[in-house]
Amino acid sequence: MDFNQFNKWIELTKQQQQEQFWSQFSSFNSSSDFNQQSFFTKQEVFPRCDFYEDKEGMTLEIEVPGLKKEHIQITLQDQTLIIKGEAKTLKPQVHYFLKERANLRFEKKITIPIPFDPNTIHYYFESGLMVISIPKKTGGEAKIHIDESS
């Protein structure tokens, strides 16, 4: 590494040590008003999701390779869908030569930006994805159903 590259690394290190550098990565602060920019930029990374609307309602596709429905808990609080779980990848008494998948617990909060009927939310697993269907409409007590066919 030449001296100029070394100086660039030193400068970058100084920037990372400043509080304002890290403040841009602070966790999502929920508010009663839906903010599209914070919705798309402040979500937790794992599990990765796609959230989209079509004519029936909204669909949330969540990458959960290797996880089963027993590993994941889904709850609904007002307009927020909360997905919690644990991915266990470490195997006891195994000598790893490469370990890129960590054991981790996760919690992801997704604000639902449209009126919906909480009684008709359902989900299923397909090819490493958990798909949650959120039909449009309002009213009723929140119940989340799993399709037993998966």
N, C-alpha and C. Protein backbone atom coordinates (compact mmCIF):
# COMPACT_ATOMS: atom_id res chain seq x y z
N MET A 1 0.85 -1.17 0.00
CA MET A 1 0.00 0.00 0.00
C MET A 1 0.90 1.24 0.00
N ASP A 2 0.60 2.14 -0.91
CA ASP A 2 1.43 3.34 -0.95
C ASP A 2 0.97 4.35 0.11
N PHE A 3 1.76 5.39 0.29
CA PHE A 3 1.52 6.37 1.35
C PHE A 3 0.19 7.11 1.18
N ASN A 4 -0.19 7.44 -0.07
CA ASN A 4 -1.46 8.14 -0.32
C ASN A 4 -2.66 7.28 0.06
N GLN A 5 -2.63 6.00 -0.28
CA GLN A 5 -3.72 5.11 0.11
C GLN A 5 -3.79 4.97 1.63
N PHE A 6 -2.64 4.89 2.25
CA PHE A 6 -2.58 4.79 3.71
C PHE A 6 -3.23 6.02 4.35
N ASN A 7 -2.95 7.21 3.84
CA ASN A 7 -3.56 8.45 4.36
C ASN A 7 -5.07 8.45 4.17
N LYS A 8 -5.55 7.93 3.04
CA LYS A 8 -7.00 7.84 2.81
C LYS A 8 -7.65 6.93 3.85
N TRP A 9 -7.00 5.82 4.16
CA TRP A 9 -7.54 4.90 5.18
C TRP A 9 -7.55 5.56 6.56
N ILE A 10 -6.53 6.31 6.87
CA ILE A 10 -6.47 7.02 8.16
C ILE A 10 -7.61 8.03 8.24
N GLU A 11 -7.86 8.76 7.16
CA GLU A 11 -8.94 9.75 7.14
C GLU A 11 -10.31 9.08 7.30
N LEU A 12 -10.50 7.97 6.62
CA LEU A 12 -11.75 7.22 6.74
C LEU A 12 -11.95 6.74 8.18
N THR A 13 -10.91 6.27 8.81
CA THR A 13 -10.97 5.82 10.20
C THR A 13 -11.36 6.96 11.12
N LYS A 14 -10.83 8.14 10.88
CA LYS A 14 -11.18 9.31 11.69
C LYS A 14 -12.67 9.62 11.55
N GLN A 15 -13.19 9.54 10.33
CA GLN A 15 -14.61 9.81 10.09
C GLN A 15 -15.49 8.81 10.85
N GLN A 16 -15.10 7.54 10.84
CA GLN A 16 -15.88 6.51 11.50
C GLN A 16 -15.88 6.66 13.02
N GLN A 17 -14.89 7.33 13.56
CA GLN A 17 -14.82 7.52 15.00
C GLN A 17 -15.69 8.68 15.47
N GLN A 18 -16.21 9.46 14.55
CA GLN A 18 -17.04 10.59 14.92
C GLN A 18 -18.49 10.13 15.09
N GLU A 19 -19.17 10.67 16.10
CA GLU A 19 -20.53 10.26 16.43
C GLU A 19 -21.51 10.49 15.29
N GLN A 20 -21.39 11.59 14.57
CA GLN A 20 -22.34 11.88 13.50
C GLN A 20 -22.27 10.86 12.37
N PHE A 21 -21.11 10.23 12.18
CA PHE A 21 -21.00 9.19 11.16
C PHE A 21 -21.94 8.04 11.49
N TRP A 22 -21.95 7.59 12.75
CA TRP A 22 -22.73 6.43 13.16
C TRP A 22 -24.19 6.78 13.38
N SER A 23 -24.52 8.03 13.62
CA SER A 23 -25.92 8.40 13.86
C SER A 23 -26.80 8.14 12.65
N GLN A 24 -26.22 8.12 11.45
CA GLN A 24 -27.01 7.85 10.26
C GLN A 24 -27.53 6.40 10.23
N PHE A 25 -26.96 5.54 11.08
CA PHE A 25 -27.38 4.14 11.11
C PHE A 25 -28.28 3.83 12.30
N SER A 26 -28.80 4.86 12.97
CA SER A 26 -29.63 4.63 14.16
C SER A 26 -30.89 3.87 13.77
N SER A 27 -31.50 3.22 14.74
CA SER A 27 -32.66 2.37 14.45
C SER A 27 -33.87 3.20 14.06
N PHE A 28 -34.80 2.54 13.43
CA PHE A 28 -36.02 3.16 12.92
C PHE A 28 -36.87 3.64 14.09
N ASN A 29 -37.22 4.92 14.07
CA ASN A 29 -38.11 5.48 15.08
C ASN A 29 -39.51 5.51 14.51
N SER A 30 -40.40 4.71 15.10
CA SER A 30 -41.75 4.66 14.57
C SER A 30 -42.53 5.89 14.99
N SER A 31 -43.38 6.33 14.14
CA SER A 31 -44.26 7.45 14.44
C SER A 31 -45.63 7.11 13.90
N SER A 32 -46.62 7.87 14.30
CA SER A 32 -47.97 7.59 13.83
C SER A 32 -48.12 7.93 12.35
N ASP A 33 -47.31 8.82 11.83
CA ASP A 33 -47.37 9.18 10.42
C ASP A 33 -46.43 8.29 9.62
N PHE A 34 -46.91 7.77 8.52
CA PHE A 34 -46.09 6.92 7.66
C PHE A 34 -45.13 7.79 6.87
N ASN A 35 -43.84 7.47 6.95
CA ASN A 35 -42.81 8.21 6.23
C ASN A 35 -42.14 7.25 5.26
N GLN A 36 -42.41 7.41 3.97
CA GLN A 36 -41.92 6.47 2.97
C GLN A 36 -40.40 6.38 2.95
N GLN A 37 -39.70 7.49 3.07
CA GLN A 37 -38.24 7.45 3.02
C GLN A 37 -37.68 6.63 4.18
N SER A 38 -38.15 6.86 5.41
CA SER A 38 -37.63 6.10 6.53
C SER A 38 -38.08 4.65 6.45
N PHE A 39 -39.26 4.41 5.88
CA PHE A 39 -39.76 3.05 5.72
C PHE A 39 -38.81 2.21 4.88
N PHE A 40 -38.29 2.78 3.80
CA PHE A 40 -37.44 2.02 2.91
C PHE A 40 -35.97 2.05 3.30
N THR A 41 -35.53 2.95 4.17
CA THR A 41 -34.11 3.05 4.44
C THR A 41 -33.70 2.63 5.84
N LYS A 42 -34.63 2.52 6.79
CA LYS A 42 -34.25 2.27 8.17
C LYS A 42 -34.64 0.89 8.68
N GLN A 43 -35.04 -0.02 7.81
CA GLN A 43 -35.43 -1.35 8.24
C GLN A 43 -34.19 -2.20 8.56
N GLU A 44 -34.37 -3.17 9.44
CA GLU A 44 -33.30 -4.11 9.74
C GLU A 44 -32.98 -4.92 8.48
N VAL A 45 -31.75 -5.40 8.37
CA VAL A 45 -31.31 -6.09 7.17
C VAL A 45 -31.84 -7.52 7.11
N PHE A 46 -31.80 -8.27 8.22
CA PHE A 46 -32.24 -9.67 8.19
C PHE A 46 -33.55 -9.80 8.91
N PRO A 47 -34.48 -10.48 8.35
CA PRO A 47 -34.48 -11.09 7.03
C PRO A 47 -34.83 -10.07 5.95
N ARG A 48 -34.32 -10.29 4.77
CA ARG A 48 -34.60 -9.38 3.66
C ARG A 48 -36.05 -9.60 3.21
N CYS A 49 -36.69 -8.48 2.83
CA CYS A 49 -38.12 -8.52 2.49
C CYS A 49 -38.41 -7.72 1.24
N ASP A 50 -39.50 -8.08 0.59
CA ASP A 50 -40.14 -7.26 -0.44
C ASP A 50 -41.56 -7.04 0.03
N PHE A 51 -42.04 -5.82 -0.06
CA PHE A 51 -43.38 -5.46 0.40
C PHE A 51 -44.04 -4.66 -0.72
N TYR A 52 -45.14 -5.18 -1.25
CA TYR A 52 -45.75 -4.52 -2.39
C TYR A 52 -47.27 -4.60 -2.32
N GLU A 53 -47.91 -3.72 -3.09
CA GLU A 53 -49.37 -3.64 -3.13
C GLU A 53 -49.85 -4.04 -4.51
N ASP A 54 -50.96 -4.77 -4.53
CA ASP A 54 -51.66 -5.05 -5.78
C ASP A 54 -53.14 -4.73 -5.57
N LYS A 55 -54.01 -5.16 -6.47
CA LYS A 55 -55.42 -4.77 -6.37
C LYS A 55 -56.14 -5.40 -5.18
N GLU A 56 -55.68 -6.56 -4.68
CA GLU A 56 -56.32 -7.21 -3.53
C GLU A 56 -55.84 -6.67 -2.19
N GLY A 57 -54.62 -6.18 -2.13
CA GLY A 57 -54.06 -5.73 -0.87
C GLY A 57 -52.56 -5.64 -0.95
N MET A 58 -51.89 -6.05 0.13
CA MET A 58 -50.44 -5.98 0.17
C MET A 58 -49.87 -7.38 0.40
N THR A 59 -48.66 -7.58 -0.10
CA THR A 59 -47.96 -8.85 0.07
C THR A 59 -46.58 -8.55 0.61
N LEU A 60 -46.18 -9.32 1.63
CA LEU A 60 -44.85 -9.21 2.21
C LEU A 60 -44.16 -10.55 1.99
N GLU A 61 -43.06 -10.52 1.25
CA GLU A 61 -42.26 -11.73 1.00
C GLU A 61 -40.99 -11.60 1.81
N ILE A 62 -40.73 -12.60 2.65
CA ILE A 62 -39.60 -12.55 3.58
C ILE A 62 -38.70 -13.75 3.33
N GLU A 63 -37.40 -13.48 3.13
CA GLU A 63 -36.43 -14.56 2.93
C GLU A 63 -36.15 -15.25 4.26
N VAL A 64 -36.50 -16.52 4.35
CA VAL A 64 -36.27 -17.29 5.58
C VAL A 64 -35.73 -18.69 5.25
N PRO A 65 -34.63 -18.77 4.53
CA PRO A 65 -34.13 -20.09 4.14
C PRO A 65 -33.79 -20.94 5.36
N GLY A 66 -34.28 -22.16 5.34
CA GLY A 66 -33.98 -23.10 6.42
C GLY A 66 -34.85 -22.95 7.66
N LEU A 67 -35.68 -21.93 7.73
CA LEU A 67 -36.54 -21.74 8.89
C LEU A 67 -37.91 -22.35 8.64
N LYS A 68 -38.53 -22.80 9.73
CA LYS A 68 -39.88 -23.36 9.68
C LYS A 68 -40.80 -22.45 10.46
N LYS A 69 -42.11 -22.69 10.35
CA LYS A 69 -43.08 -21.83 11.02
C LYS A 69 -42.87 -21.82 12.53
N GLU A 70 -42.30 -22.88 13.10
CA GLU A 70 -42.02 -22.93 14.53
C GLU A 70 -40.93 -21.95 14.95
N HIS A 71 -40.10 -21.52 14.02
CA HIS A 71 -38.99 -20.62 14.31
C HIS A 71 -39.39 -19.15 14.27
N ILE A 72 -40.62 -18.85 13.82
CA ILE A 72 -41.02 -17.48 13.56
C ILE A 72 -42.32 -17.15 14.29
N GLN A 73 -42.37 -15.97 14.87
CA GLN A 73 -43.58 -15.49 15.54
C GLN A 73 -44.02 -14.20 14.84
N ILE A 74 -45.29 -14.12 14.50
CA ILE A 74 -45.83 -12.94 13.83
C ILE A 74 -46.94 -12.37 14.71
N THR A 75 -46.84 -11.06 14.99
CA THR A 75 -47.88 -10.38 15.75
C THR A 75 -48.25 -9.09 15.04
N LEU A 76 -49.40 -8.56 15.41
CA LEU A 76 -49.89 -7.32 14.82
C LEU A 76 -50.23 -6.36 15.94
N GLN A 77 -49.63 -5.17 15.90
CA GLN A 77 -49.93 -4.11 16.86
C GLN A 77 -50.33 -2.88 16.05
N ASP A 78 -51.62 -2.54 16.10
CA ASP A 78 -52.15 -1.42 15.34
C ASP A 78 -51.84 -1.61 13.85
N GLN A 79 -51.04 -0.76 13.27
CA GLN A 79 -50.69 -0.83 11.85
C GLN A 79 -49.32 -1.47 11.62
N THR A 80 -48.75 -2.09 12.66
CA THR A 80 -47.39 -2.62 12.56
C THR A 80 -47.39 -4.14 12.66
N LEU A 81 -46.81 -4.77 11.67
CA LEU A 81 -46.61 -6.21 11.66
C LEU A 81 -45.22 -6.48 12.25
N ILE A 82 -45.14 -7.34 13.27
CA ILE A 82 -43.87 -7.63 13.93
C ILE A 82 -43.51 -9.08 13.66
N ILE A 83 -42.35 -9.29 13.05
CA ILE A 83 -41.85 -10.62 12.73
C ILE A 83 -40.62 -10.88 13.58
N LYS A 84 -40.70 -11.90 14.45
CA LYS A 84 -39.58 -12.26 15.33
C LYS A 84 -39.20 -13.71 15.05
N GLY A 85 -37.94 -14.00 15.25
CA GLY A 85 -37.52 -15.37 15.07
C GLY A 85 -36.07 -15.58 15.42
N GLU A 86 -35.65 -16.82 15.19
CA GLU A 86 -34.26 -17.16 15.45
C GLU A 86 -33.78 -18.13 14.38
N ALA A 87 -32.64 -17.81 13.80
CA ALA A 87 -32.00 -18.68 12.81
C ALA A 87 -30.79 -19.31 13.50
N LYS A 88 -30.85 -20.63 13.67
CA LYS A 88 -29.74 -21.34 14.31
C LYS A 88 -28.98 -22.11 13.24
N THR A 89 -27.73 -21.74 13.05
CA THR A 89 -26.93 -22.41 12.01
C THR A 89 -25.71 -23.13 12.57
N LEU A 90 -25.31 -22.79 13.79
CA LEU A 90 -24.14 -23.44 14.39
C LEU A 90 -24.47 -24.87 14.79
N LYS A 91 -23.61 -25.78 14.42
CA LYS A 91 -23.79 -27.19 14.77
C LYS A 91 -22.75 -27.54 15.83
N PRO A 92 -23.20 -28.14 16.94
CA PRO A 92 -22.25 -28.47 18.01
C PRO A 92 -21.28 -29.57 17.57
N GLN A 93 -20.09 -29.50 18.10
CA GLN A 93 -19.04 -30.50 17.88
C GLN A 93 -18.70 -30.69 16.40
N VAL A 94 -18.71 -29.58 15.67
CA VAL A 94 -18.34 -29.60 14.26
C VAL A 94 -17.15 -28.68 14.09
N HIS A 95 -16.19 -29.09 13.28
CA HIS A 95 -15.03 -28.25 12.98
C HIS A 95 -15.29 -27.53 11.66
N TYR A 96 -15.54 -26.22 11.73
CA TYR A 96 -15.85 -25.43 10.54
C TYR A 96 -14.57 -24.98 9.85
N PHE A 97 -14.56 -25.05 8.54
CA PHE A 97 -13.50 -24.48 7.73
C PHE A 97 -13.94 -23.13 7.16
N LEU A 98 -15.24 -22.94 7.07
CA LEU A 98 -15.82 -21.69 6.63
C LEU A 98 -17.17 -21.56 7.32
N LYS A 99 -17.41 -20.43 7.97
CA LYS A 99 -18.68 -20.20 8.66
C LYS A 99 -19.15 -18.80 8.35
N GLU A 100 -20.09 -18.65 7.40
CA GLU A 100 -20.57 -17.35 6.99
C GLU A 100 -21.99 -17.07 7.49
N ARG A 101 -22.70 -18.10 7.90
CA ARG A 101 -24.07 -17.94 8.38
C ARG A 101 -24.07 -17.98 9.90
N ALA A 102 -24.40 -16.87 10.51
CA ALA A 102 -24.35 -16.76 11.97
C ALA A 102 -25.69 -17.17 12.59
N ASN A 103 -25.62 -17.66 13.84
CA ASN A 103 -26.84 -17.79 14.63
C ASN A 103 -27.31 -16.38 14.93
N LEU A 104 -28.58 -16.12 14.76
CA LEU A 104 -29.06 -14.78 15.10
C LEU A 104 -30.53 -14.78 15.41
N ARG A 105 -30.88 -13.88 16.29
CA ARG A 105 -32.28 -13.59 16.58
C ARG A 105 -32.62 -12.33 15.82
N PHE A 106 -33.84 -12.26 15.36
CA PHE A 106 -34.23 -11.09 14.60
C PHE A 106 -35.62 -10.63 15.01
N GLU A 107 -35.84 -9.35 14.81
CA GLU A 107 -37.15 -8.74 14.97
C GLU A 107 -37.27 -7.66 13.92
N LYS A 108 -38.30 -7.75 13.13
CA LYS A 108 -38.51 -6.78 12.06
C LYS A 108 -39.92 -6.22 12.21
N LYS A 109 -40.03 -4.89 12.14
CA LYS A 109 -41.32 -4.22 12.25
C LYS A 109 -41.63 -3.58 10.91
N ILE A 110 -42.79 -3.92 10.38
CA ILE A 110 -43.22 -3.39 9.09
C ILE A 110 -44.54 -2.65 9.30
N THR A 111 -44.56 -1.37 8.97
CA THR A 111 -45.78 -0.58 9.07
C THR A 111 -46.61 -0.81 7.82
N ILE A 112 -47.88 -1.14 8.02
CA ILE A 112 -48.79 -1.37 6.90
C ILE A 112 -49.45 -0.03 6.57
N PRO A 113 -49.18 0.53 5.39
CA PRO A 113 -49.60 1.90 5.09
C PRO A 113 -51.01 2.05 4.50
N ILE A 114 -51.80 0.96 4.46
CA ILE A 114 -53.14 1.05 3.89
C ILE A 114 -54.15 0.49 4.89
N PRO A 115 -55.43 0.84 4.75
CA PRO A 115 -56.45 0.19 5.58
C PRO A 115 -56.52 -1.30 5.20
N PHE A 116 -56.65 -2.17 6.20
CA PHE A 116 -56.67 -3.61 5.93
C PHE A 116 -57.58 -4.29 6.94
N ASP A 117 -57.95 -5.51 6.63
CA ASP A 117 -58.78 -6.32 7.51
C ASP A 117 -57.88 -7.30 8.25
N PRO A 118 -57.61 -7.06 9.54
CA PRO A 118 -56.68 -7.91 10.28
C PRO A 118 -57.15 -9.35 10.43
N ASN A 119 -58.47 -9.60 10.28
CA ASN A 119 -58.99 -10.97 10.40
C ASN A 119 -58.67 -11.86 9.22
N THR A 120 -58.24 -11.28 8.13
CA THR A 120 -57.99 -12.10 6.94
C THR A 120 -56.51 -12.19 6.56
N ILE A 121 -55.62 -11.73 7.42
CA ILE A 121 -54.19 -11.88 7.15
C ILE A 121 -53.84 -13.36 7.22
N HIS A 122 -53.10 -13.85 6.24
CA HIS A 122 -52.63 -15.23 6.29
C HIS A 122 -51.23 -15.30 5.68
N TYR A 123 -50.53 -16.42 5.97
CA TYR A 123 -49.20 -16.58 5.43
C TYR A 123 -48.92 -18.05 5.12
N TYR A 124 -47.92 -18.26 4.28
CA TYR A 124 -47.49 -19.60 3.92
C TYR A 124 -46.01 -19.57 3.58
N PHE A 125 -45.40 -20.75 3.53
CA PHE A 125 -43.99 -20.87 3.18
C PHE A 125 -43.88 -21.49 1.80
N GLU A 126 -42.95 -20.93 1.00
CA GLU A 126 -42.74 -21.42 -0.35
C GLU A 126 -41.31 -21.14 -0.80
N SER A 127 -40.53 -22.17 -1.07
CA SER A 127 -39.17 -22.05 -1.63
C SER A 127 -38.29 -21.08 -0.85
N GLY A 128 -38.24 -21.21 0.47
CA GLY A 128 -37.38 -20.35 1.28
C GLY A 128 -37.95 -18.98 1.57
N LEU A 129 -39.19 -18.74 1.16
CA LEU A 129 -39.86 -17.47 1.43
C LEU A 129 -41.06 -17.70 2.35
N MET A 130 -41.29 -16.76 3.24
CA MET A 130 -42.55 -16.71 3.96
C MET A 130 -43.33 -15.58 3.30
N VAL A 131 -44.53 -15.89 2.82
CA VAL A 131 -45.35 -14.91 2.11
C VAL A 131 -46.55 -14.57 2.98
N ILE A 132 -46.68 -13.28 3.31
CA ILE A 132 -47.79 -12.82 4.14
C ILE A 132 -48.71 -11.99 3.25
N SER A 133 -49.98 -12.37 3.23
CA SER A 133 -50.98 -11.68 2.42
C SER A 133 -51.84 -10.81 3.33
N ILE A 134 -51.97 -9.53 2.99
CA ILE A 134 -52.71 -8.56 3.80
C ILE A 134 -53.80 -7.95 2.92
N PRO A 135 -55.01 -8.53 2.94
CA PRO A 135 -56.10 -7.99 2.11
C PRO A 135 -56.53 -6.60 2.56
N LYS A 136 -56.98 -5.78 1.60
CA LYS A 136 -57.52 -4.45 1.91
C LYS A 136 -58.89 -4.62 2.55
N LYS A 137 -59.24 -3.78 3.46
CA LYS A 137 -60.51 -3.63 4.15
C LYS A 137 -60.21 -3.25 5.58
N THR A 138 -61.24 -2.92 6.34
CA THR A 138 -61.05 -2.52 7.72
C THR A 138 -61.98 -3.28 8.64
N GLY A 139 -61.63 -3.25 9.94
CA GLY A 139 -62.52 -3.77 10.98
C GLY A 139 -62.05 -5.06 11.60
N GLY A 140 -62.65 -5.36 12.75
CA GLY A 140 -62.45 -6.64 13.40
C GLY A 140 -61.25 -6.74 14.31
N GLU A 141 -61.22 -7.83 15.04
CA GLU A 141 -60.12 -8.13 15.97
C GLU A 141 -59.02 -8.84 15.20
N ALA A 142 -57.78 -8.58 15.53
CA ALA A 142 -56.63 -9.12 14.79
C ALA A 142 -56.44 -10.61 15.05
N LYS A 143 -56.43 -11.38 13.99
CA LYS A 143 -56.11 -12.81 14.04
C LYS A 143 -55.26 -13.10 12.82
N ILE A 144 -54.19 -13.84 13.00
CA ILE A 144 -53.32 -14.18 11.87
C ILE A 144 -53.40 -15.67 11.68
N HIS A 145 -53.72 -16.11 10.47
CA HIS A 145 -53.93 -17.51 10.17
C HIS A 145 -52.80 -18.04 9.28
N ILE A 146 -52.43 -19.29 9.51
CA ILE A 146 -51.44 -19.93 8.63
C ILE A 146 -52.17 -20.92 7.74
N ASP A 147 -51.80 -20.95 6.48
CA ASP A 147 -52.34 -21.94 5.57
C ASP A 147 -51.66 -23.27 5.89
N GLU A 148 -52.42 -24.25 6.29
CA GLU A 148 -51.85 -25.54 6.72
C GLU A 148 -51.35 -26.38 5.55
N SER A 149 -51.62 -25.98 4.33
CA SER A 149 -51.19 -26.75 3.16
C SER A 149 -49.70 -26.68 2.91
N SER A 150 -48.98 -25.71 3.55
CA SER A 150 -47.55 -25.57 3.27
C SER A 150 -46.71 -26.40 4.19
